Amino acid sequence: MRKPLILIVLALLVCSAGMHADQKARKPVTHTVTVDATAFTPAKLTIAPGDTVLWVNKDVIPHTATSTKVGTFDSGAIASGKSWKTTFKTAGEFAYACQFHPTMKASIVVK
């Protein structure tokens, strides 16, 4: 009776260790948001904690990627042909807009 119990416990430990190793093996990813024609594409991006978002301005005019929650993130002016990036460490939804063009809105979902 003890032998089957030991085998079950060992099997659970092996499975648990394998799942944990898979979670730790994931490397952070860099996602790209294109800024063009006074729009952010994609307008809603879902990422994992620790991932980085890179905004690339392909428009002919400068733009910003500025969180609607003060102090969260602010790219400052991203000139045409330039880029800016930041890493998201905590889960949540982060709405942002362009300070120069308030109708340009998008969000980052971290989960």
PDB file of N, CA and C in Angstrom:
ATOM      1  N   MET A   1       0.829  -1.200   0.000  1.00  0.00           N
ATOM      2  CA  MET A   1       0.000   0.000   0.000  1.00  0.00           C
ATOM      3  C   MET A   1       0.866   1.253   0.000  1.00  0.00           C
ATOM      4  N   ARG A   2       2.018   1.200   0.635  1.00  0.00           N
ATOM      5  CA  ARG A   2       2.877   2.383   0.667  1.00  0.00           C
ATOM      6  C   ARG A   2       3.504   2.655  -0.696  1.00  0.00           C
ATOM      7  N   LYS A   3       3.788   1.577  -1.445  1.00  0.00           N
ATOM      8  CA  LYS A   3       4.453   1.728  -2.735  1.00  0.00           C
ATOM      9  C   LYS A   3       3.606   2.547  -3.719  1.00  0.00           C
ATOM     10  N   PRO A   4       2.287   2.246  -3.890  1.00  0.00           N
ATOM     11  CA  PRO A   4       1.473   3.064  -4.796  1.00  0.00           C
ATOM     12  C   PRO A   4       1.385   4.520  -4.344  1.00  0.00           C
ATOM     13  N   LEU A   5       1.331   4.759  -3.049  1.00  0.00           N
ATOM     14  CA  LEU A   5       1.263   6.118  -2.541  1.00  0.00           C
ATOM     15  C   LEU A   5       2.551   6.877  -2.871  1.00  0.00           C
ATOM     16  N   ILE A   6       3.672   6.225  -2.708  1.00  0.00           N
ATOM     17  CA  ILE A   6       4.967   6.850  -3.034  1.00  0.00           C
ATOM     18  C   ILE A   6       5.037   7.158  -4.519  1.00  0.00           C
ATOM     19  N   LEU A   7       4.566   6.250  -5.355  1.00  0.00           N
ATOM     20  CA  LEU A   7       4.579   6.475  -6.805  1.00  0.00           C
ATOM     21  C   LEU A   7       3.690   7.661  -7.185  1.00  0.00           C
ATOM     22  N   ILE A   8       2.548   7.768  -6.551  1.00  0.00           N
ATOM     23  CA  ILE A   8       1.643   8.896  -6.830  1.00  0.00           C
ATOM     24  C   ILE A   8       2.297  10.212  -6.426  1.00  0.00           C
ATOM     25  N   VAL A   9       2.910  10.247  -5.252  1.00  0.00           N
ATOM     26  CA  VAL A   9       3.576  11.464  -4.786  1.00  0.00           C
ATOM     27  C   VAL A   9       4.716  11.832  -5.726  1.00  0.00           C
ATOM     28  N   LEU A  10       5.506  10.864  -6.143  1.00  0.00           N
ATOM     29  CA  LEU A  10       6.605  11.133  -7.085  1.00  0.00           C
ATOM     30  C   LEU A  10       6.076  11.659  -8.418  1.00  0.00           C
ATOM     31  N   ALA A  11       5.000  11.055  -8.905  1.00  0.00           N
ATOM     32  CA  ALA A  11       4.410  11.509 -10.167  1.00  0.00           C
ATOM     33  C   ALA A  11       3.928  12.952 -10.058  1.00  0.00           C
ATOM     34  N   LEU A  12       3.296  13.294  -8.958  1.00  0.00           N
ATOM     35  CA  LEU A  12       2.837  14.673  -8.756  1.00  0.00           C
ATOM     36  C   LEU A  12       4.004  15.649  -8.689  1.00  0.00           C
ATOM     37  N   LEU A  13       5.070  15.255  -8.031  1.00  0.00           N
ATOM     38  CA  LEU A  13       6.255  16.120  -7.949  1.00  0.00           C
ATOM     39  C   LEU A  13       6.874  16.344  -9.320  1.00  0.00           C
ATOM     40  N   VAL A  14       6.977  15.298 -10.114  1.00  0.00           N
ATOM     41  CA  VAL A  14       7.552  15.416 -11.449  1.00  0.00           C
ATOM     42  C   VAL A  14       6.685  16.330 -12.311  1.00  0.00           C
ATOM     43  N   CYS A  15       5.378  16.128 -12.277  1.00  0.00           N
ATOM     44  CA  CYS A  15       4.464  16.980 -13.061  1.00  0.00           C
ATOM     45  C   CYS A  15       4.548  18.427 -12.611  1.00  0.00           C
ATOM     46  N   SER A  16       4.570  18.629 -11.322  1.00  0.00           N
ATOM     47  CA  SER A  16       4.646  19.985 -10.774  1.00  0.00           C
ATOM     48  C   SER A  16       5.946  20.665 -11.173  1.00  0.00           C
ATOM     49  N   ALA A  17       7.034  19.938 -11.106  1.00  0.00           N
ATOM     50  CA  ALA A  17       8.334  20.511 -11.477  1.00  0.00           C
ATOM     51  C   ALA A  17       8.360  20.847 -12.952  1.00  0.00           C
ATOM     52  N   GLY A  18       7.753  20.004 -13.786  1.00  0.00           N
ATOM     53  CA  GLY A  18       7.719  20.267 -15.226  1.00  0.00           C
ATOM     54  C   GLY A  18       6.915  21.508 -15.555  1.00  0.00           C
ATOM     55  N   MET A  19       5.771  21.681 -14.906  1.00  0.00           N
ATOM     56  CA  MET A  19       4.950  22.872 -15.138  1.00  0.00           C
ATOM     57  C   MET A  19       5.693  24.117 -14.682  1.00  0.00           C
ATOM     58  N   HIS A  20       6.334  24.039 -13.542  1.00  0.00           N
ATOM     59  CA  HIS A  20       7.064  25.188 -13.018  1.00  0.00           C
ATOM     60  C   HIS A  20       8.238  25.553 -13.929  1.00  0.00           C
ATOM     61  N   ALA A  21       8.908  24.560 -14.462  1.00  0.00           N
ATOM     62  CA  ALA A  21      10.038  24.809 -15.367  1.00  0.00           C
ATOM     63  C   ALA A  21       9.554  25.501 -16.632  1.00  0.00           C
ATOM     64  N   ASP A  22       8.377  25.092 -17.152  1.00  0.00           N
ATOM     65  CA  ASP A  22       7.837  25.739 -18.341  1.00  0.00           C
ATOM     66  C   ASP A  22       7.542  27.205 -18.088  1.00  0.00           C
ATOM     67  N   GLN A  23       7.006  27.524 -16.912  1.00  0.00           N
ATOM     68  CA  GLN A  23       6.682  28.910 -16.586  1.00  0.00           C
ATOM     69  C   GLN A  23       7.955  29.747 -16.501  1.00  0.00           C
ATOM     70  N   LYS A  24       9.001  29.208 -15.909  1.00  0.00           N
ATOM     71  CA  LYS A  24      10.239  29.957 -15.764  1.00  0.00           C
ATOM     72  C   LYS A  24      11.003  30.044 -17.074  1.00  0.00           C
ATOM     73  N   ALA A  25      10.766  29.106 -17.993  1.00  0.00           N
ATOM     74  CA  ALA A  25      11.503  29.064 -19.247  1.00  0.00           C
ATOM     75  C   ALA A  25      11.062  30.168 -20.213  1.00  0.00           C
ATOM     76  N   ARG A  26       9.894  30.734 -20.026  1.00  0.00           N
ATOM     77  CA  ARG A  26       9.402  31.775 -20.931  1.00  0.00           C
ATOM     78  C   ARG A  26      10.270  33.002 -20.826  1.00  0.00           C
ATOM     79  N   LYS A  27      10.767  33.436 -21.953  1.00  0.00           N
ATOM     80  CA  LYS A  27      11.594  34.634 -21.986  1.00  0.00           C
ATOM     81  C   LYS A  27      10.715  35.831 -22.338  1.00  0.00           C
ATOM     82  N   PRO A  28      11.056  37.006 -21.816  1.00  0.00           N
ATOM     83  CA  PRO A  28      10.286  38.201 -22.169  1.00  0.00           C
ATOM     84  C   PRO A  28      10.297  38.441 -23.679  1.00  0.00           C
ATOM     85  N   VAL A  29       9.220  39.004 -24.160  1.00  0.00           N
ATOM     86  CA  VAL A  29       9.039  39.257 -25.586  1.00  0.00           C
ATOM     87  C   VAL A  29       8.926  40.759 -25.808  1.00  0.00           C
ATOM     88  N   THR A  30       9.403  41.235 -26.951  1.00  0.00           N
ATOM     89  CA  THR A  30       9.206  42.631 -27.339  1.00  0.00           C
ATOM     90  C   THR A  30       8.102  42.679 -28.390  1.00  0.00           C
ATOM     91  N   HIS A  31       7.065  43.476 -28.124  1.00  0.00           N
ATOM     92  CA  HIS A  31       5.924  43.640 -29.022  1.00  0.00           C
ATOM     93  C   HIS A  31       6.044  45.023 -29.663  1.00  0.00           C
ATOM     94  N   THR A  32       5.635  45.141 -30.905  1.00  0.00           N
ATOM     95  CA  THR A  32       5.728  46.416 -31.616  1.00  0.00           C
ATOM     96  C   THR A  32       4.343  47.019 -31.842  1.00  0.00           C
ATOM     97  N   VAL A  33       4.232  48.299 -31.512  1.00  0.00           N
ATOM     98  CA  VAL A  33       3.043  49.085 -31.841  1.00  0.00           C
ATOM     99  C   VAL A  33       3.488  50.085 -32.900  1.00  0.00           C
ATOM    100  N   THR A  34       2.826  50.076 -34.037  1.00  0.00           N
ATOM    101  CA  THR A  34       3.142  51.006 -35.111  1.00  0.00           C
ATOM    102  C   THR A  34       2.289  52.263 -34.952  1.00  0.00           C
ATOM    103  N   VAL A  35       2.942  53.405 -35.091  1.00  0.00           N
ATOM    104  CA  VAL A  35       2.235  54.687 -35.032  1.00  0.00           C
ATOM    105  C   VAL A  35       2.270  55.244 -36.449  1.00  0.00           C
ATOM    106  N   ASP A  36       1.096  55.309 -37.077  1.00  0.00           N
ATOM    107  CA  ASP A  36       1.035  55.773 -38.467  1.00  0.00           C
ATOM    108  C   ASP A  36      -0.378  56.249 -38.763  1.00  0.00           C
ATOM    109  N   ALA A  37      -0.484  57.249 -39.612  1.00  0.00           N
ATOM    110  CA  ALA A  37      -1.778  57.806 -40.028  1.00  0.00           C
ATOM    111  C   ALA A  37      -2.613  58.180 -38.801  1.00  0.00           C
ATOM    112  N   THR A  38      -1.971  58.804 -37.843  1.00  0.00           N
ATOM    113  CA  THR A  38      -2.559  59.213 -36.561  1.00  0.00           C
ATOM    114  C   THR A  38      -3.364  58.091 -35.898  1.00  0.00           C
ATOM    115  N   ALA A  39      -2.732  56.901 -35.817  1.00  0.00           N
ATOM    116  CA  ALA A  39      -3.345  55.757 -35.149  1.00  0.00           C
ATOM    117  C   ALA A  39      -2.265  54.845 -34.565  1.00  0.00           C
ATOM    118  N   PHE A  40      -2.623  54.158 -33.463  1.00  0.00           N
ATOM    119  CA  PHE A  40      -1.774  53.135 -32.879  1.00  0.00           C
ATOM    120  C   PHE A  40      -2.271  51.777 -33.384  1.00  0.00           C
ATOM    121  N   THR A  41      -1.375  50.955 -33.892  1.00  0.00           N
ATOM    122  CA  THR A  41      -1.751  49.635 -34.371  1.00  0.00           C
ATOM    123  C   THR A  41      -0.821  48.590 -33.782  1.00  0.00           C
ATOM    124  N   PRO A  42      -1.344  47.630 -33.008  1.00  0.00           N
ATOM    125  CA  PRO A  42      -2.758  47.426 -32.695  1.00  0.00           C
ATOM    126  C   PRO A  42      -3.244  48.413 -31.639  1.00  0.00           C
ATOM    127  N   ALA A  43      -4.539  48.651 -31.640  1.00  0.00           N
ATOM    128  CA  ALA A  43      -5.122  49.583 -30.677  1.00  0.00           C
ATOM    129  C   ALA A  43      -5.244  48.945 -29.292  1.00  0.00           C
ATOM    130  N   LYS A  44      -5.295  47.614 -29.245  1.00  0.00           N
ATOM    131  CA  LYS A  44      -5.320  46.899 -27.964  1.00  0.00           C
ATOM    132  C   LYS A  44      -4.329  45.745 -28.089  1.00  0.00           C
ATOM    133  N   LEU A  45      -3.378  45.717 -27.184  1.00  0.00           N
ATOM    134  CA  LEU A  45      -2.317  44.711 -27.215  1.00  0.00           C
ATOM    135  C   LEU A  45      -2.281  43.987 -25.885  1.00  0.00           C
ATOM    136  N   THR A  46      -2.320  42.658 -25.927  1.00  0.00           N
ATOM    137  CA  THR A  46      -2.237  41.850 -24.711  1.00  0.00           C
ATOM    138  C   THR A  46      -0.854  41.224 -24.634  1.00  0.00           C
ATOM    139  N   ILE A  47      -0.197  41.416 -23.483  1.00  0.00           N
ATOM    140  CA  ILE A  47       1.166  40.935 -23.282  1.00  0.00           C
ATOM    141  C   ILE A  47       1.272  40.264 -21.912  1.00  0.00           C
ATOM    142  N   ALA A  48       2.425  39.686 -21.641  1.00  0.00           N
ATOM    143  CA  ALA A  48       2.684  39.063 -20.339  1.00  0.00           C
ATOM    144  C   ALA A  48       3.545  39.988 -19.493  1.00  0.00           C
ATOM    145  N   PRO A  49       3.470  39.859 -18.162  1.00  0.00           N
ATOM    146  CA  PRO A  49       4.353  40.661 -17.308  1.00  0.00           C
ATOM    147  C   PRO A  49       5.816  40.413 -17.680  1.00  0.00           C
ATOM    148  N   GLY A  50       6.586  41.481 -17.734  1.00  0.00           N
ATOM    149  CA  GLY A  50       7.988  41.389 -18.111  1.00  0.00           C
ATOM    150  C   GLY A  50       8.240  41.645 -19.579  1.00  0.00           C
ATOM    151  N   ASP A  51       7.169  41.668 -20.390  1.00  0.00           N
ATOM    152  CA  ASP A  51       7.324  41.958 -21.816  1.00  0.00           C
ATOM    153  C   ASP A  51       7.537  43.450 -22.036  1.00  0.00           C
ATOM    154  N   THR A  52       8.124  43.758 -23.183  1.00  0.00           N
ATOM    155  CA  THR A  52       8.421  45.136 -23.565  1.00  0.00           C
ATOM    156  C   THR A  52       7.550  45.522 -24.754  1.00  0.00           C
ATOM    157  N   VAL A  53       7.125  46.772 -24.785  1.00  0.00           N
ATOM    158  CA  VAL A  53       6.393  47.304 -25.932  1.00  0.00           C
ATOM    159  C   VAL A  53       7.261  48.374 -26.568  1.00  0.00           C
ATOM    160  N   LEU A  54       7.432  48.264 -27.881  1.00  0.00           N
ATOM    161  CA  LEU A  54       8.215  49.208 -28.683  1.00  0.00           C
ATOM    162  C   LEU A  54       7.259  49.950 -29.610  1.00  0.00           C
ATOM    163  N   TRP A  55       7.178  51.265 -29.452  1.00  0.00           N
ATOM    164  CA  TRP A  55       6.369  52.089 -30.346  1.00  0.00           C
ATOM    165  C   TRP A  55       7.278  52.611 -31.446  1.00  0.00           C
ATOM    166  N   VAL A  56       6.897  52.392 -32.699  1.00  0.00           N
ATOM    167  CA  VAL A  56       7.673  52.843 -33.851  1.00  0.00           C
ATOM    168  C   VAL A  56       6.833  53.857 -34.613  1.00  0.00           C
ATOM    169  N   ASN A  57       7.342  55.090 -34.725  1.00  0.00           N
ATOM    170  CA  ASN A  57       6.605  56.147 -35.409  1.00  0.00           C
ATOM    171  C   ASN A  57       6.925  56.130 -36.898  1.00  0.00           C
ATOM    172  N   LYS A  58       5.965  55.672 -37.692  1.00  0.00           N
ATOM    173  CA  LYS A  58       6.105  55.659 -39.149  1.00  0.00           C
ATOM    174  C   LYS A  58       5.336  56.806 -39.794  1.00  0.00           C
ATOM    175  N   ASP A  59       4.758  57.658 -38.957  1.00  0.00           N
ATOM    176  CA  ASP A  59       4.011  58.814 -39.443  1.00  0.00           C
ATOM    177  C   ASP A  59       5.002  59.933 -39.770  1.00  0.00           C
ATOM    178  N   VAL A  60       4.539  60.953 -40.459  1.00  0.00           N
ATOM    179  CA  VAL A  60       5.413  62.072 -40.832  1.00  0.00           C
ATOM    180  C   VAL A  60       5.481  63.139 -39.748  1.00  0.00           C
ATOM    181  N   ILE A  61       4.689  62.982 -38.698  1.00  0.00           N
ATOM    182  CA  ILE A  61       4.661  63.951 -37.608  1.00  0.00           C
ATOM    183  C   ILE A  61       4.963  63.252 -36.277  1.00  0.00           C
ATOM    184  N   PRO A  62       5.422  63.995 -35.265  1.00  0.00           N
ATOM    185  CA  PRO A  62       5.702  63.365 -33.972  1.00  0.00           C
ATOM    186  C   PRO A  62       4.429  62.988 -33.214  1.00  0.00           C
ATOM    187  N   HIS A  63       4.584  61.988 -32.356  1.00  0.00           N
ATOM    188  CA  HIS A  63       3.487  61.520 -31.506  1.00  0.00           C
ATOM    189  C   HIS A  63       4.056  61.155 -30.140  1.00  0.00           C
ATOM    190  N   THR A  64       3.171  60.926 -29.171  1.00  0.00           N
ATOM    191  CA  THR A  64       3.580  60.406 -27.868  1.00  0.00           C
ATOM    192  C   THR A  64       2.767  59.152 -27.568  1.00  0.00           C
ATOM    193  N   ALA A  65       3.274  58.355 -26.646  1.00  0.00           N
ATOM    194  CA  ALA A  65       2.521  57.247 -26.056  1.00  0.00           C
ATOM    195  C   ALA A  65       2.510  57.573 -24.572  1.00  0.00           C
ATOM    196  N   THR A  66       1.428  58.180 -24.128  1.00  0.00           N
ATOM    197  CA  THR A  66       1.340  58.699 -22.768  1.00  0.00           C
ATOM    198  C   THR A  66       0.184  58.057 -22.021  1.00  0.00           C
ATOM    199  N   SER A  67       0.494  57.421 -20.907  1.00  0.00           N
ATOM    200  CA  SER A  67      -0.532  56.767 -20.100  1.00  0.00           C
ATOM    201  C   SER A  67      -1.581  57.780 -19.664  1.00  0.00           C
ATOM    202  N   THR A  68      -2.838  57.332 -19.644  1.00  0.00           N
ATOM    203  CA  THR A  68      -3.896  58.222 -19.157  1.00  0.00           C
ATOM    204  C   THR A  68      -3.870  58.326 -17.637  1.00  0.00           C
ATOM    205  N   LYS A  69      -3.137  57.419 -16.986  1.00  0.00           N
ATOM    206  CA  LYS A  69      -2.932  57.488 -15.534  1.00  0.00           C
ATOM    207  C   LYS A  69      -1.584  58.176 -15.305  1.00  0.00           C
ATOM    208  N   VAL A  70      -1.608  59.358 -14.746  1.00  0.00           N
ATOM    209  CA  VAL A  70      -0.405  60.181 -14.570  1.00  0.00           C
ATOM    210  C   VAL A  70       0.695  59.400 -13.859  1.00  0.00           C
ATOM    211  N   GLY A  71       1.898  59.499 -14.418  1.00  0.00           N
ATOM    212  CA  GLY A  71       3.065  58.897 -13.793  1.00  0.00           C
ATOM    213  C   GLY A  71       3.328  57.448 -14.158  1.00  0.00           C
ATOM    214  N   THR A  72       2.464  56.846 -14.983  1.00  0.00           N
ATOM    215  CA  THR A  72       2.658  55.438 -15.337  1.00  0.00           C
ATOM    216  C   THR A  72       3.726  55.290 -16.423  1.00  0.00           C
ATOM    217  N   PHE A  73       3.519  55.899 -17.569  1.00  0.00           N
ATOM    218  CA  PHE A  73       4.558  55.948 -18.604  1.00  0.00           C
ATOM    219  C   PHE A  73       4.276  57.103 -19.552  1.00  0.00           C
ATOM    220  N   ASP A  74       5.346  57.656 -20.102  1.00  0.00           N
ATOM    221  CA  ASP A  74       5.237  58.769 -21.049  1.00  0.00           C
ATOM    222  C   ASP A  74       6.471  58.754 -21.938  1.00  0.00           C
ATOM    223  N   SER A  75       6.252  58.553 -23.202  1.00  0.00           N
ATOM    224  CA  SER A  75       7.360  58.467 -24.148  1.00  0.00           C
ATOM    225  C   SER A  75       8.010  59.806 -24.443  1.00  0.00           C
ATOM    226  N   GLY A  76       7.288  60.891 -24.174  1.00  0.00           N
ATOM    227  CA  GLY A  76       7.748  62.169 -24.709  1.00  0.00           C
ATOM    228  C   GLY A  76       7.518  62.130 -26.216  1.00  0.00           C
ATOM    229  N   ALA A  77       7.977  63.120 -26.930  1.00  0.00           N
ATOM    230  CA  ALA A  77       7.765  63.171 -28.383  1.00  0.00           C
ATOM    231  C   ALA A  77       8.597  62.094 -29.065  1.00  0.00           C
ATOM    232  N   ILE A  78       7.931  61.285 -29.874  1.00  0.00           N
ATOM    233  CA  ILE A  78       8.614  60.289 -30.701  1.00  0.00           C
ATOM    234  C   ILE A  78       8.611  60.862 -32.119  1.00  0.00           C
ATOM    235  N   ALA A  79       9.764  61.288 -32.575  1.00  0.00           N
ATOM    236  CA  ALA A  79       9.876  61.911 -33.901  1.00  0.00           C
ATOM    237  C   ALA A  79       9.616  60.881 -35.001  1.00  0.00           C
ATOM    238  N   SER A  80       9.288  61.374 -36.175  1.00  0.00           N
ATOM    239  CA  SER A  80       9.085  60.516 -37.336  1.00  0.00           C
ATOM    240  C   SER A  80      10.330  59.659 -37.559  1.00  0.00           C
ATOM    241  N   GLY A  81      10.121  58.350 -37.746  1.00  0.00           N
ATOM    242  CA  GLY A  81      11.239  57.440 -37.976  1.00  0.00           C
ATOM    243  C   GLY A  81      11.947  56.973 -36.712  1.00  0.00           C
ATOM    244  N   LYS A  82      11.507  57.437 -35.553  1.00  0.00           N
ATOM    245  CA  LYS A  82      12.128  57.058 -34.273  1.00  0.00           C
ATOM    246  C   LYS A  82      11.221  56.104 -33.512  1.00  0.00           C
ATOM    247  N   SER A  83      11.744  55.585 -32.389  1.00  0.00           N
ATOM    248  CA  SER A  83      10.959  54.657 -31.580  1.00  0.00           C
ATOM    249  C   SER A  83      11.239  54.894 -30.102  1.00  0.00           C
ATOM    250  N   TRP A  84      10.392  54.275 -29.287  1.00  0.00           N
ATOM    251  CA  TRP A  84      10.527  54.341 -27.828  1.00  0.00           C
ATOM    252  C   TRP A  84       9.974  53.053 -27.256  1.00  0.00           C
ATOM    253  N   LYS A  85      10.550  52.568 -26.159  1.00  0.00           N
ATOM    254  CA  LYS A  85      10.055  51.329 -25.569  1.00  0.00           C
ATOM    255  C   LYS A  85      10.021  51.414 -24.053  1.00  0.00           C
ATOM    256  N   THR A  86       9.160  50.572 -23.473  1.00  0.00           N
ATOM    257  CA  THR A  86       9.082  50.428 -22.025  1.00  0.00           C
ATOM    258  C   THR A  86       8.669  48.998 -21.704  1.00  0.00           C
ATOM    259  N   THR A  87       9.044  48.541 -20.520  1.00  0.00           N
ATOM    260  CA  THR A  87       8.727  47.195 -20.073  1.00  0.00           C
ATOM    261  C   THR A  87       7.624  47.255 -19.022  1.00  0.00           C
ATOM    262  N   PHE A  88       6.643  46.376 -19.164  1.00  0.00           N
ATOM    263  CA  PHE A  88       5.510  46.307 -18.245  1.00  0.00           C
ATOM    264  C   PHE A  88       5.733  45.144 -17.287  1.00  0.00           C
ATOM    265  N   LYS A  89       5.859  45.447 -16.002  1.00  0.00           N
ATOM    266  CA  LYS A  89       6.178  44.424 -15.005  1.00  0.00           C
ATOM    267  C   LYS A  89       4.974  43.924 -14.226  1.00  0.00           C
ATOM    268  N   THR A  90       3.916  44.720 -14.174  1.00  0.00           N
ATOM    269  CA  THR A  90       2.756  44.336 -13.367  1.00  0.00           C
ATOM    270  C   THR A  90       1.515  44.157 -14.236  1.00  0.00           C
ATOM    271  N   ALA A  91       0.631  43.273 -13.782  1.00  0.00           N
ATOM    272  CA  ALA A  91      -0.615  43.017 -14.501  1.00  0.00           C
ATOM    273  C   ALA A  91      -1.546  44.220 -14.407  1.00  0.00           C
ATOM    274  N   GLY A  92      -2.397  44.359 -15.401  1.00  0.00           N
ATOM    275  CA  GLY A  92      -3.379  45.438 -15.416  1.00  0.00           C
ATOM    276  C   GLY A  92      -3.645  45.902 -16.829  1.00  0.00           C
ATOM    277  N   GLU A  93      -4.555  46.842 -16.957  1.00  0.00           N
ATOM    278  CA  GLU A  93      -4.834  47.448 -18.267  1.00  0.00           C
ATOM    279  C   GLU A  93      -4.353  48.881 -18.225  1.00  0.00           C
ATOM    280  N   PHE A  94      -3.570  49.242 -19.220  1.00  0.00           N
ATOM    281  CA  PHE A  94      -2.931  50.548 -19.269  1.00  0.00           C
ATOM    282  C   PHE A  94      -3.380  51.292 -20.526  1.00  0.00           C
ATOM    283  N   ALA A  95      -4.333  52.201 -20.336  1.00  0.00           N
ATOM    284  CA  ALA A  95      -4.811  53.020 -21.447  1.00  0.00           C
ATOM    285  C   ALA A  95      -3.795  54.134 -21.699  1.00  0.00           C
ATOM    286  N   TYR A  96      -3.647  54.498 -22.974  1.00  0.00           N
ATOM    287  CA  TYR A  96      -2.739  55.597 -23.303  1.00  0.00           C
ATOM    288  C   TYR A  96      -3.249  56.346 -24.524  1.00  0.00           C
ATOM    289  N   ALA A  97      -2.675  57.520 -24.743  1.00  0.00           N
ATOM    290  CA  ALA A  97      -3.075  58.366 -25.862  1.00  0.00           C
ATOM    291  C   ALA A  97      -1.870  59.186 -26.306  1.00  0.00           C
ATOM    292  N   CYS A  98      -2.029  59.849 -27.432  1.00  0.00           N
ATOM    293  CA  CYS A  98      -1.016  60.792 -27.910  1.00  0.00           C
ATOM    294  C   CYS A  98      -1.374  62.168 -27.351  1.00  0.00           C
ATOM    295  N   GLN A  99      -0.423  62.795 -26.686  1.00  0.00           N
ATOM    296  CA  GLN A  99      -0.695  64.127 -26.121  1.00  0.00           C
ATOM    297  C   GLN A  99      -0.938  65.165 -27.208  1.00  0.00           C
ATOM    298  N   PHE A 100      -0.346  64.980 -28.375  1.00  0.00           N
ATOM    299  CA  PHE A 100      -0.526  65.944 -29.470  1.00  0.00           C
ATOM    300  C   PHE A 100      -1.847  65.727 -30.205  1.00  0.00           C
ATOM    301  N   HIS A 101      -2.345  64.490 -30.165  1.00  0.00           N
ATOM    302  CA  HIS A 101      -3.554  64.127 -30.912  1.00  0.00           C
ATOM    303  C   HIS A 101      -4.443  63.281 -29.991  1.00  0.00           C
ATOM    304  N   PRO A 102      -5.224  63.917 -29.121  1.00  0.00           N
ATOM    305  CA  PRO A 102      -5.990  63.205 -28.084  1.00  0.00           C
ATOM    306  C   PRO A 102      -6.976  62.163 -28.598  1.00  0.00           C
ATOM    307  N   THR A 103      -7.319  62.194 -29.889  1.00  0.00           N
ATOM    308  CA  THR A 103      -8.223  61.166 -30.417  1.00  0.00           C
ATOM    309  C   THR A 103      -7.485  59.852 -30.688  1.00  0.00           C
ATOM    310  N   MET A 104      -6.160  59.886 -30.643  1.00  0.00           N
ATOM    311  CA  MET A 104      -5.361  58.670 -30.796  1.00  0.00           C
ATOM    312  C   MET A 104      -5.319  57.967 -29.442  1.00  0.00           C
ATOM    313  N   LYS A 105      -6.060  56.856 -29.324  1.00  0.00           N
ATOM    314  CA  LYS A 105      -6.138  56.147 -28.054  1.00  0.00           C
ATOM    315  C   LYS A 105      -5.879  54.652 -28.286  1.00  0.00           C
ATOM    316  N   ALA A 106      -5.309  54.009 -27.268  1.00  0.00           N
ATOM    317  CA  ALA A 106      -5.057  52.575 -27.336  1.00  0.00           C
ATOM    318  C   ALA A 106      -4.848  52.057 -25.908  1.00  0.00           C
ATOM    319  N   SER A 107      -4.584  50.752 -25.785  1.00  0.00           N
ATOM    320  CA  SER A 107      -4.333  50.195 -24.449  1.00  0.00           C
ATOM    321  C   SER A 107      -3.431  48.972 -24.531  1.00  0.00           C
ATOM    322  N   ILE A 108      -2.737  48.746 -23.421  1.00  0.00           N
ATOM    323  CA  ILE A 108      -1.895  47.576 -23.224  1.00  0.00           C
ATOM    324  C   ILE A 108      -2.539  46.773 -22.091  1.00  0.00           C
ATOM    325  N   VAL A 109      -2.794  45.506 -22.304  1.00  0.00           N
ATOM    326  CA  VAL A 109      -3.334  44.622 -21.281  1.00  0.00           C
ATOM    327  C   VAL A 109      -2.214  43.672 -20.886  1.00  0.00           C
ATOM    328  N   VAL A 110      -1.866  43.684 -19.612  1.00  0.00           N
ATOM    329  CA  VAL A 110      -0.796  42.819 -19.108  1.00  0.00           C
ATOM    330  C   VAL A 110      -1.425  41.749 -18.235  1.00  0.00           C
ATOM    331  N   LYS A 111      -1.305  40.469 -18.677  1.00  0.00           N
ATOM    332  CA  LYS A 111      -1.855  39.363 -17.880  1.00  0.00           C
ATOM    333  C   LYS A 111      -1.087  38.086 -18.137  1.00  0.00           C
TER     334      LYS A 111
END
